[in-house]
């Protein structure tokens, strides 16, 4: 599977990277950074394409919110709390929340939809979203490019000793989950005041 994925990235790298970025998968961007390090992809086109993919994905979420309100209210009922948090974040912080929403675990797809539900200007959203997407792509691809050799060595070691990665990954995911829940609680408390 790993060899197939790498050969696909080498052959159709920018197309795969674009669609992977639409889904906002950092792992694809990290792999692109490593492929840039090995010379199989070029750095600046990879950042450009990944940014366009991230931009496209968030624009789709935004317009889903803008033009499918009934669908969202019906199908996303279990995420009402997240939509409320996203709305509070936008109200309190304004445009910077659009810029950083890619880094808010658990809210990264909800925030664009939530903004789409409001009367926020679509052109302003698109401009901020595009800049944010390129920054996101650069912040993810560049470290993988610069530390490519170290990452490849680490991956080789992890492949041989995969069982050591499980508790580390579980701890990381649990920490990210707890951090997000704490942010949601704090925002709810502030919203009730």
Foldseek 3Di string as FASTA:
>chain_A
DVVVVLVCCLVVVLVVLLQCLLVPDLVSLLVVLLCCLVVSDPDPSSLLSSLNSVLNNLLVLLVCLQPVVVCCVVVVVVCPLLLVLLVLCCVVPNLVCLLCLSVQPPNNSSNSSSNSNDPPDSVVSSVSSSVSSSVVSCVSNVVSNVCSVVVVVVVVVCVVVVVVVVVVVVVVVVVSVVVNVVSSVVSVVVVVD
